[in-house]
Amino acid sequence: MSPALLASLLVTLAAIVALAVWTGAHNTKKKGEGSNAAIVAGVIIGTLVGGSSTVGTAQLAYTYGMSAWWFTLGAGISCLVLGLVYTVPLRRNGERTLVGMIRKEYGQNIGMTASVLNSVGTFINIISQILSATAVVAVIAPKLGIVPAAAFSALFMVLYVVFGGTRGAGVVGIVKTILLYVAMMACGVLVLQKTAGIAGFTDMVKGIDNPEGVRFFSLLARGAGKDLGSALSLLLGVLTTQTYAQGVLAARSDAAGKAGALLSAFLIPPIGIGGILVGLYMRAHADLYPGMTAKTALTTFITAHVPSALAGVVLAGLFIAAVGTGAGLALGISTMLNNDIVPRVTRRFDDPAKADRLGKLWIVLVLAAACALSCGSLGDLILQFAFMSMGLRAAVVFMPLLGALWLPGKADSRLILASVILSPAAVFAGKLLGLPFDSLFLGMAVSAVCFVLGLAAKKR
């Protein structure tokens, strides 16, 4: 690494950590104030746009082209629905967590079960974010080793959210969004410069050696079942994840919550375009980069083509993208544990100060466990199932939450409990059976059947 690249990288990371810590400390003096639209968008984007939206988009584009846009396009659509449909009902419900809303409607047993299963799905995604962060660390310090790299990544996640809280995550999320725009747009512009514009880029893609016959310019290059399943997984996963709901619930008003979600919907999709351009460019010039894999397409492009001073900022942005997502998800798990499980076990943490300390301890423990699992052989296995994380959360929460918000008192709680247990099991079973379509469709079908039966049973 050149001195300029290293210096810009370290300065950027230090500034982001300092901002998170300062914001968290400053926020303790302003308890009770809600977040404005920009902070809400920062919380959502800061968690939603992670390794999959940057490194993962370039990786998938390397193989399938435009199909990779579903990472960010689907996220934008989900934020649109969150803002237009869900924000006001979520805020009017009065509960602090999604699982709390389900428990309020259907009882303690269902609430506890949903909280545990939802937390498991979220935890899987945290592990994938640590692994994504270590991929960036490996480019910066290739001799560091997986264990120190994972520990370093997890430590940054702790600093990001334990000392910053929701507001700190939101402020840093704004900075992270700016960094990612600079990073991905700069990479996309560089690709177009190197290929003499859009026409030259199109000709380059048409000239890629393509024995599999991949339709690089199709959003359904992997097949309609798989790509539309990815879109559905993102849509339902965002609507059933505590962290994103937390962003709009912490808003100072309904209008601020809606505006923050809609701002996220507008800002997220363009981030993926730069990754698609890079992935296809590196595929067309793969012979110039021996040893490069699809996973390292983006980081290889950055170190090879981006000016050193800017490359450090870009790499820092990619690292913070993964760190911010992992940290935000850990915050969501902590909130669920503190509000949905701990009060059912003990009343020792009813005091807000004690609950706040316990919440920070949960974050540290969750990230430490995720770090330990990502360092062993289990990490690779979990990474294979990481894409199902949002689908699992959706299978557990979506239909029960829909009933709690829009059909209160209309469904039999016994059938809702069956939905909470059977639908994620169906997602796993569908994956193991190797179905030709996304297993989320199977899980949601099971959930929908249970819900309809629950409506009929309650009516009788």
Protein backbone atom coordinates (compact mmCIF):
# COMPACT_ATOMS: atom_id res chain seq x y z
CA MET A 1 0.00 0.00 0.00
CA SER A 2 1.24 3.46 -0.87
CA PRO A 3 1.64 6.00 1.96
CA ALA A 4 -1.11 8.17 0.46
CA LEU A 5 -3.59 5.27 0.34
CA LEU A 6 -2.77 4.17 3.89
CA ALA A 7 -3.00 7.71 5.26
CA SER A 8 -6.38 8.44 3.64
CA LEU A 9 -7.72 5.08 4.81
CA LEU A 10 -6.68 5.58 8.45
CA VAL A 11 -7.87 9.19 8.57
CA THR A 12 -11.27 8.24 7.16
CA LEU A 13 -11.77 5.35 9.61
CA ALA A 14 -10.63 7.44 12.59
CA ALA A 15 -12.97 10.27 11.62
CA ILE A 16 -15.96 7.93 11.33
CA VAL A 17 -15.34 6.30 14.73
CA ALA A 18 -14.85 9.72 16.35
CA LEU A 19 -18.10 10.95 14.81
CA ALA A 20 -20.06 7.93 16.09
CA VAL A 21 -18.67 8.28 19.63
CA TRP A 22 -19.18 12.06 19.72
CA THR A 23 -22.75 11.77 18.42
CA GLY A 24 -23.61 9.15 21.02
CA ALA A 25 -22.16 11.26 23.85
CA HIS A 26 -23.92 14.37 22.56
CA ASN A 27 -27.21 12.49 22.30
CA THR A 28 -27.20 11.62 26.03
CA LYS A 29 -27.86 15.31 26.69
CA LYS A 30 -30.87 15.34 24.35
CA LYS A 31 -32.97 12.39 25.53
CA GLY A 32 -36.51 12.34 24.21
CA GLU A 33 -35.82 14.17 20.97
CA GLY A 34 -36.82 12.24 17.88
CA SER A 35 -34.77 11.92 14.71
CA ASN A 36 -35.28 14.08 11.64
CA ALA A 37 -35.72 12.64 8.14
CA ALA A 38 -31.99 12.71 7.39
CA ILE A 39 -31.16 10.72 10.55
CA VAL A 40 -33.92 8.22 9.78
CA ALA A 41 -32.50 7.74 6.28
CA GLY A 42 -29.02 7.42 7.79
CA VAL A 43 -30.17 4.62 10.10
CA ILE A 44 -31.87 2.74 7.25
CA ILE A 45 -29.15 3.20 4.62
CA GLY A 46 -26.37 2.76 7.16
CA THR A 47 -27.68 -0.72 7.96
CA LEU A 48 -29.29 -1.79 4.70
CA VAL A 49 -26.44 -0.86 2.35
CA GLY A 50 -23.58 -3.17 3.31
CA GLY A 51 -21.24 -5.69 1.75
CA SER A 52 -23.99 -7.17 -0.47
CA SER A 53 -24.73 -3.79 -2.03
CA THR A 54 -21.10 -3.06 -2.88
CA VAL A 55 -18.68 -6.01 -2.92
CA GLY A 56 -21.57 -8.46 -3.43
CA THR A 57 -23.06 -6.47 -6.31
CA ALA A 58 -19.73 -6.38 -8.17
CA GLN A 59 -19.26 -10.09 -7.45
CA LEU A 60 -22.66 -11.07 -8.85
CA ALA A 61 -22.35 -8.69 -11.80
CA TYR A 62 -19.05 -10.36 -12.69
CA THR A 63 -21.04 -13.54 -13.31
CA TYR A 64 -24.58 -12.41 -14.18
CA GLY A 65 -24.44 -8.72 -15.09
CA MET A 66 -27.53 -6.55 -14.46
CA SER A 67 -29.15 -9.27 -12.36
CA ALA A 68 -26.90 -8.02 -9.55
CA TRP A 69 -28.96 -4.82 -9.32
CA TRP A 70 -31.58 -6.60 -7.21
CA PHE A 71 -29.37 -6.05 -4.15
CA THR A 72 -29.99 -2.30 -4.25
CA LEU A 73 -33.05 -2.02 -6.50
CA GLY A 74 -35.00 -4.38 -4.23
CA ALA A 75 -33.80 -2.45 -1.19
CA GLY A 76 -35.07 0.79 -2.72
CA ILE A 77 -38.49 -0.72 -3.47
CA SER A 78 -38.74 -2.06 0.10
CA CYS A 79 -37.97 1.40 1.54
CA LEU A 80 -40.67 2.86 -0.69
CA VAL A 81 -43.22 0.44 0.75
CA LEU A 82 -41.90 1.07 4.27
CA GLY A 83 -42.45 4.80 3.85
CA LEU A 84 -45.80 4.79 2.05
CA VAL A 85 -47.53 1.84 3.73
CA TYR A 86 -45.90 0.80 7.00
CA THR A 87 -44.50 3.88 8.77
CA VAL A 88 -47.75 5.32 10.16
CA PRO A 89 -49.28 1.96 11.29
CA LEU A 90 -45.98 0.99 12.96
CA ARG A 91 -45.80 4.26 14.87
CA ARG A 92 -49.48 4.20 15.84
CA ASN A 93 -49.20 0.68 17.33
CA GLY A 94 -47.34 1.97 20.40
CA GLU A 95 -44.87 -0.93 20.78
CA ARG A 96 -41.11 -0.42 20.40
CA THR A 97 -40.41 -3.63 18.46
CA LEU A 98 -42.05 -5.59 15.65
CA VAL A 99 -42.13 -8.71 17.79
CA GLY A 100 -43.70 -6.64 20.58
CA MET A 101 -46.53 -5.79 18.18
CA ILE A 102 -47.01 -9.49 17.43
CA ARG A 103 -46.91 -10.39 21.12
CA LYS A 104 -49.44 -7.67 21.94
CA GLU A 105 -51.86 -9.15 19.42
CA TYR A 106 -51.31 -12.91 19.79
CA GLY A 107 -49.83 -13.52 23.23
CA GLN A 108 -46.56 -14.26 25.03
CA ASN A 109 -45.75 -17.66 23.50
CA ILE A 110 -45.90 -16.40 19.94
CA GLY A 111 -43.97 -13.26 20.84
CA MET A 112 -41.16 -15.22 22.46
CA THR A 113 -40.94 -17.73 19.59
CA ALA A 114 -40.93 -15.02 16.93
CA SER A 115 -38.29 -13.03 18.80
CA VAL A 116 -35.91 -15.99 19.03
CA LEU A 117 -36.34 -17.06 15.40
CA ASN A 118 -36.13 -13.51 14.09
CA SER A 119 -32.95 -12.94 16.08
CA VAL A 120 -31.41 -16.12 14.61
CA GLY A 121 -32.07 -14.90 11.07
CA THR A 122 -30.56 -11.51 11.89
CA PHE A 123 -27.54 -13.12 13.57
CA ILE A 124 -26.73 -15.08 10.40
CA ASN A 125 -26.56 -11.83 8.47
CA ILE A 126 -24.18 -10.31 11.05
CA ILE A 127 -21.75 -13.17 10.44
CA SER A 128 -21.87 -12.54 6.69
CA GLN A 129 -21.10 -8.86 7.29
CA ILE A 130 -18.05 -9.72 9.40
CA LEU A 131 -16.86 -11.99 6.61
CA SER A 132 -17.43 -9.19 4.08
CA ALA A 133 -15.45 -6.77 6.24
CA THR A 134 -12.56 -9.23 6.55
CA ALA A 135 -12.45 -9.42 2.73
CA VAL A 136 -11.69 -5.69 2.67
CA VAL A 137 -9.16 -6.04 5.51
CA ALA A 138 -7.44 -8.80 3.53
CA VAL A 139 -6.79 -6.33 0.70
CA ILE A 140 -5.44 -3.73 3.12
CA ALA A 141 -3.34 -6.14 5.22
CA PRO A 142 -3.05 -9.48 3.38
CA LYS A 143 -0.77 -11.02 6.03
CA LEU A 144 -2.99 -10.20 9.00
CA GLY A 145 -4.91 -13.51 9.06
CA ILE A 146 -8.61 -14.25 9.39
CA VAL A 147 -8.85 -14.19 13.21
CA PRO A 148 -7.28 -10.72 13.74
CA ALA A 149 -9.19 -9.38 10.73
CA ALA A 150 -12.51 -10.65 12.10
CA ALA A 151 -11.70 -9.32 15.59
CA PHE A 152 -10.77 -5.93 14.12
CA SER A 153 -14.04 -5.82 12.18
CA ALA A 154 -16.15 -6.80 15.19
CA LEU A 155 -14.38 -4.18 17.35
CA PHE A 156 -15.27 -1.49 14.84
CA MET A 157 -18.89 -2.63 14.96
CA VAL A 158 -18.86 -2.27 18.75
CA LEU A 159 -17.41 1.24 18.57
CA TYR A 160 -19.87 2.14 15.82
CA VAL A 161 -23.03 1.36 17.74
CA VAL A 162 -22.32 0.84 21.48
CA PHE A 163 -21.04 4.39 21.89
CA GLY A 164 -23.22 5.90 19.20
CA GLY A 165 -26.60 4.24 19.65
CA THR A 166 -29.39 4.68 17.13
CA ARG A 167 -28.66 8.38 16.59
CA GLY A 168 -24.93 7.72 16.19
CA ALA A 169 -25.69 5.01 13.66
CA GLY A 170 -27.93 7.46 11.83
CA VAL A 171 -25.36 10.27 11.66
CA VAL A 172 -22.61 7.90 10.60
CA GLY A 173 -25.06 6.36 8.14
CA ILE A 174 -25.32 9.77 6.43
CA VAL A 175 -21.52 9.97 6.18
CA LYS A 176 -21.38 6.37 4.99
CA THR A 177 -23.93 7.12 2.28
CA ILE A 178 -21.84 10.02 1.03
CA LEU A 179 -18.71 7.85 1.07
CA LEU A 180 -20.41 5.05 -0.84
CA TYR A 181 -21.73 7.47 -3.44
CA VAL A 182 -18.25 8.88 -3.91
CA ALA A 183 -16.79 5.36 -4.05
CA MET A 184 -19.25 3.62 -6.36
CA MET A 185 -19.90 6.58 -8.64
CA ALA A 186 -16.16 7.23 -9.00
CA CYS A 187 -15.60 3.58 -9.90
CA GLY A 188 -18.47 3.67 -12.40
CA VAL A 189 -17.16 6.85 -14.06
CA LEU A 190 -13.67 5.34 -14.30
CA VAL A 191 -15.10 2.29 -16.08
CA LEU A 192 -16.96 4.45 -18.59
CA GLN A 193 -13.82 6.52 -19.19
CA LYS A 194 -11.81 3.37 -19.85
CA THR A 195 -14.43 2.00 -22.26
CA ALA A 196 -15.08 5.29 -24.10
CA GLY A 197 -18.60 5.77 -22.77
CA ILE A 198 -21.82 3.77 -22.65
CA ALA A 199 -21.58 2.62 -26.27
CA GLY A 200 -18.03 1.36 -25.74
CA PHE A 201 -19.06 -0.35 -22.50
CA THR A 202 -21.94 -2.09 -24.27
CA ASP A 203 -19.62 -3.32 -27.01
CA MET A 204 -17.16 -4.56 -24.39
CA VAL A 205 -19.86 -6.59 -22.62
CA LYS A 206 -21.04 -8.09 -25.92
CA GLY A 207 -17.46 -9.25 -26.50
CA ILE A 208 -17.16 -11.13 -23.18
CA ASP A 209 -16.43 -14.83 -23.57
CA ASN A 210 -19.83 -16.22 -22.62
CA PRO A 211 -20.14 -19.97 -23.20
CA GLU A 212 -23.01 -20.20 -20.66
CA GLY A 213 -25.10 -17.75 -22.69
CA VAL A 214 -25.69 -15.39 -19.75
CA ARG A 215 -27.93 -12.41 -20.58
CA PHE A 216 -25.72 -9.75 -19.02
CA PHE A 217 -28.21 -6.92 -19.65
CA SER A 218 -31.22 -8.74 -18.17
CA LEU A 219 -32.54 -8.24 -14.63
CA LEU A 220 -33.64 -11.90 -14.74
CA ALA A 221 -30.33 -13.40 -15.93
CA ARG A 222 -30.37 -16.06 -13.18
CA GLY A 223 -33.95 -17.01 -14.02
CA ALA A 224 -37.22 -15.38 -13.04
CA GLY A 225 -37.74 -17.70 -10.05
CA LYS A 226 -34.39 -16.89 -8.51
CA ASP A 227 -34.14 -13.18 -9.27
CA LEU A 228 -37.74 -12.37 -8.38
CA GLY A 229 -37.26 -14.47 -5.25
CA SER A 230 -34.28 -12.28 -4.32
CA ALA A 231 -36.42 -9.18 -4.85
CA LEU A 232 -39.21 -10.62 -2.68
CA SER A 233 -36.71 -11.64 -0.02
CA LEU A 234 -35.36 -8.09 0.18
CA LEU A 235 -38.82 -6.52 0.18
CA LEU A 236 -40.26 -8.68 2.93
CA GLY A 237 -36.98 -8.88 4.84
CA VAL A 238 -36.69 -5.11 5.20
CA LEU A 239 -40.31 -4.82 6.29
CA THR A 240 -39.76 -7.44 9.01
CA THR A 241 -36.35 -6.40 10.37
CA GLN A 242 -36.24 -4.52 13.67
CA THR A 243 -33.41 -2.15 12.73
CA TYR A 244 -35.25 -0.56 9.79
CA ALA A 245 -38.47 -0.27 11.79
CA GLN A 246 -36.40 1.25 14.58
CA GLY A 247 -35.34 4.02 12.23
CA VAL A 248 -38.93 5.17 11.56
CA LEU A 249 -40.08 4.50 15.13
CA ALA A 250 -37.35 6.83 16.44
CA ALA A 251 -38.46 9.66 14.13
CA ARG A 252 -39.76 12.85 15.70
CA SER A 253 -43.01 12.62 13.72
CA ASP A 254 -44.88 10.47 11.19
CA ALA A 255 -43.85 12.88 8.46
CA ALA A 256 -40.15 12.61 9.38
CA GLY A 257 -40.37 8.82 9.43
CA LYS A 258 -42.03 8.66 6.02
CA ALA A 259 -39.64 11.20 4.52
CA GLY A 260 -36.60 9.29 5.83
CA ALA A 261 -37.82 6.00 4.35
CA LEU A 262 -38.67 7.64 1.01
CA LEU A 263 -35.28 9.38 0.90
CA SER A 264 -33.67 5.95 1.40
CA ALA A 265 -35.76 4.54 -1.46
CA PHE A 266 -34.44 7.28 -3.74
CA LEU A 267 -30.77 7.06 -2.72
CA ILE A 268 -30.10 3.31 -2.48
CA PRO A 269 -30.65 1.93 -6.04
CA PRO A 270 -28.00 4.09 -7.83
CA ILE A 271 -25.27 2.73 -5.52
CA GLY A 272 -25.52 -0.66 -7.25
CA ILE A 273 -24.91 0.74 -10.74
CA GLY A 274 -21.23 1.43 -10.05
CA GLY A 275 -20.75 -2.13 -8.80
CA ILE A 276 -22.38 -3.56 -11.93
CA LEU A 277 -20.11 -1.51 -14.21
CA VAL A 278 -17.02 -2.63 -12.29
CA GLY A 279 -18.04 -6.29 -12.17
CA LEU A 280 -18.60 -6.51 -15.92
CA TYR A 281 -15.44 -4.54 -16.69
CA MET A 282 -13.32 -6.89 -14.58
CA ARG A 283 -14.99 -9.92 -16.20
CA ALA A 284 -14.08 -8.57 -19.65
CA HIS A 285 -10.47 -7.99 -18.56
CA ALA A 286 -10.05 -10.98 -16.23
CA ASP A 287 -6.90 -12.12 -18.08
CA LEU A 288 -5.10 -8.96 -16.90
CA TYR A 289 -5.60 -9.84 -13.22
CA PRO A 290 -4.30 -13.34 -12.49
CA GLY A 291 -5.63 -14.77 -9.27
CA MET A 292 -8.66 -12.45 -9.18
CA THR A 293 -12.01 -14.01 -8.28
CA ALA A 294 -15.52 -12.63 -8.64
CA LYS A 295 -15.52 -11.83 -4.91
CA THR A 296 -12.47 -9.57 -5.22
CA ALA A 297 -13.52 -7.83 -8.46
CA LEU A 298 -14.34 -4.52 -6.77
CA THR A 299 -11.36 -4.35 -4.41
CA THR A 300 -9.00 -5.40 -7.21
CA PHE A 301 -10.36 -2.63 -9.44
CA ILE A 302 -9.94 -0.05 -6.68
CA THR A 303 -6.33 -0.91 -5.91
CA ALA A 304 -5.45 -1.12 -9.62
CA HIS A 305 -7.23 1.93 -11.06
CA VAL A 306 -8.36 4.42 -8.40
CA PRO A 307 -5.81 7.15 -7.41
CA SER A 308 -4.15 6.28 -4.10
CA ALA A 309 -5.58 9.11 -1.98
CA LEU A 310 -9.13 8.38 -3.17
CA ALA A 311 -8.60 4.60 -3.00
CA GLY A 312 -8.06 4.84 0.74
CA VAL A 313 -11.36 6.67 1.18
CA VAL A 314 -13.12 4.15 -1.06
CA LEU A 315 -11.75 1.14 0.85
CA ALA A 316 -12.69 2.79 4.14
CA GLY A 317 -16.20 3.32 2.78
CA LEU A 318 -16.51 -0.35 1.78
CA PHE A 319 -15.27 -1.44 5.20
CA ILE A 320 -17.70 0.86 6.99
CA ALA A 321 -20.49 -0.40 4.72
CA ALA A 322 -20.07 -3.92 6.10
CA VAL A 323 -19.35 -2.68 9.64
CA GLY A 324 -22.38 -0.41 9.70
CA THR A 325 -24.73 -3.14 8.54
CA GLY A 326 -23.39 -5.64 11.08
CA ALA A 327 -23.54 -3.07 13.89
CA GLY A 328 -27.07 -1.97 13.01
CA LEU A 329 -28.30 -5.57 12.96
CA ALA A 330 -26.66 -6.19 16.34
CA LEU A 331 -28.50 -3.13 17.66
CA GLY A 332 -31.75 -4.61 16.37
CA ILE A 333 -31.12 -7.93 18.15
CA SER A 334 -30.23 -6.08 21.35
CA THR A 335 -33.47 -4.09 21.18
CA MET A 336 -35.53 -7.26 20.68
CA LEU A 337 -33.82 -9.06 23.55
CA ASN A 338 -34.22 -6.11 25.90
CA ASN A 339 -37.87 -5.46 25.06
CA ASP A 340 -39.28 -8.86 24.12
CA ILE A 341 -37.40 -11.47 26.15
CA VAL A 342 -35.68 -10.00 29.23
CA PRO A 343 -38.86 -8.47 30.76
CA ARG A 344 -40.54 -11.89 30.54
CA VAL A 345 -37.70 -13.45 32.53
CA THR A 346 -36.78 -10.83 35.13
CA ARG A 347 -37.81 -7.32 36.23
CA ARG A 348 -34.28 -6.39 37.36
CA PHE A 349 -33.69 -4.26 34.26
CA ASP A 350 -36.87 -2.17 34.27
CA ASP A 351 -34.82 0.90 35.19
CA PRO A 352 -33.90 2.71 31.90
CA ALA A 353 -30.24 3.14 32.89
CA LYS A 354 -29.86 -0.57 33.67
CA ALA A 355 -31.68 -1.51 30.48
CA ASP A 356 -29.35 0.73 28.47
CA ARG A 357 -26.24 -0.93 29.96
CA LEU A 358 -27.71 -4.37 29.36
CA GLY A 359 -28.48 -3.44 25.75
CA LYS A 360 -24.84 -2.49 25.16
CA LEU A 361 -23.72 -5.74 26.77
CA TRP A 362 -26.01 -7.68 24.39
CA ILE A 363 -24.39 -5.93 21.43
CA VAL A 364 -20.90 -6.87 22.61
CA LEU A 365 -21.91 -10.49 23.26
CA VAL A 366 -23.71 -10.86 19.91
CA LEU A 367 -20.77 -9.44 17.96
CA ALA A 368 -18.27 -11.55 19.92
CA ALA A 369 -20.24 -14.71 19.11
CA ALA A 370 -20.55 -13.74 15.44
CA CYS A 371 -16.81 -13.05 15.32
CA ALA A 372 -15.99 -16.45 16.84
CA LEU A 373 -18.21 -18.30 14.37
CA SER A 374 -16.87 -16.40 11.36
CA CYS A 375 -13.31 -17.43 12.21
CA GLY A 376 -13.93 -21.18 12.08
CA SER A 377 -15.02 -23.59 9.40
CA LEU A 378 -18.65 -22.84 10.29
CA GLY A 379 -18.21 -19.37 8.81
CA ASP A 380 -18.05 -20.68 5.25
CA LEU A 381 -21.16 -22.81 5.80
CA ILE A 382 -23.12 -19.91 7.24
CA LEU A 383 -22.04 -17.65 4.38
CA GLN A 384 -23.74 -20.05 1.96
CA PHE A 385 -27.03 -19.50 3.81
CA ALA A 386 -26.56 -15.79 4.50
CA PHE A 387 -28.72 -14.74 1.54
CA MET A 388 -31.62 -16.55 3.24
CA SER A 389 -31.35 -14.35 6.32
CA MET A 390 -33.93 -11.81 5.18
CA GLY A 391 -36.15 -14.60 3.88
CA LEU A 392 -36.11 -16.31 7.27
CA ARG A 393 -37.07 -13.11 9.04
CA ALA A 394 -39.84 -12.52 6.53
CA ALA A 395 -41.20 -16.05 6.95
CA VAL A 396 -41.36 -15.62 10.73
CA VAL A 397 -42.72 -12.08 11.03
CA PHE A 398 -44.47 -10.87 7.86
CA MET A 399 -47.94 -12.46 8.06
CA PRO A 400 -48.30 -12.19 11.87
CA LEU A 401 -47.23 -8.52 11.69
CA LEU A 402 -49.68 -7.88 8.86
CA GLY A 403 -52.46 -9.31 11.02
CA ALA A 404 -51.39 -7.31 14.07
CA LEU A 405 -51.35 -4.01 12.15
CA TRP A 406 -54.35 -4.34 9.84
CA LEU A 407 -56.48 -7.27 11.07
CA PRO A 408 -56.35 -7.12 14.86
CA GLY A 409 -58.52 -9.66 16.62
CA LYS A 410 -59.29 -11.51 13.37
CA ALA A 411 -56.90 -14.54 13.51
CA ASP A 412 -56.66 -17.52 15.85
CA SER A 413 -53.38 -17.34 17.78
CA ARG A 414 -52.82 -21.13 17.56
CA LEU A 415 -52.61 -20.96 13.76
CA ILE A 416 -50.34 -17.91 13.99
CA LEU A 417 -48.00 -19.89 16.24
CA ALA A 418 -48.00 -22.67 13.63
CA SER A 419 -47.08 -20.07 10.98
CA VAL A 420 -44.18 -18.71 13.06
CA ILE A 421 -42.72 -22.22 13.47
CA LEU A 422 -43.54 -23.94 10.17
CA SER A 423 -42.79 -21.18 7.66
CA PRO A 424 -39.04 -20.76 8.47
CA ALA A 425 -38.77 -24.57 8.57
CA ALA A 426 -40.22 -24.62 5.05
CA VAL A 427 -37.59 -22.08 3.89
CA PHE A 428 -34.79 -24.30 5.18
CA ALA A 429 -36.40 -27.44 3.74
CA GLY A 430 -36.82 -25.80 0.34
CA LYS A 431 -33.16 -24.84 0.31
CA LEU A 432 -32.02 -28.35 1.26
CA LEU A 433 -34.26 -29.90 -1.40
CA GLY A 434 -32.74 -27.68 -4.08
CA LEU A 435 -36.04 -26.36 -5.43
CA PRO A 436 -35.86 -24.60 -8.83
CA PHE A 437 -37.27 -21.41 -7.26
CA ASP A 438 -36.41 -19.37 -4.18
CA SER A 439 -37.42 -21.30 -1.06
CA LEU A 440 -38.89 -18.10 0.40
CA PHE A 441 -41.91 -18.65 -1.87
CA LEU A 442 -42.51 -21.98 -0.11
CA GLY A 443 -42.12 -20.44 3.33
CA MET A 444 -44.49 -17.58 2.55
CA ALA A 445 -47.03 -20.02 1.07
CA VAL A 446 -47.02 -22.01 4.33
CA SER A 447 -47.33 -18.79 6.34
CA ALA A 448 -50.22 -17.55 4.18
CA VAL A 449 -52.10 -20.86 4.49
CA CYS A 450 -51.72 -20.83 8.28
CA PHE A 451 -52.90 -17.23 8.42
CA VAL A 452 -55.98 -17.87 6.27
CA LEU A 453 -56.85 -20.90 8.39
CA GLY A 454 -56.37 -18.70 11.45
CA LEU A 455 -58.85 -16.16 10.06
CA ALA A 456 -61.37 -18.91 9.36
CA ALA A 457 -60.95 -20.51 12.78
CA LYS A 458 -61.40 -17.19 14.56
CA LYS A 459 -64.52 -16.42 12.54
CA ARG A 460 -66.05 -19.75 13.54
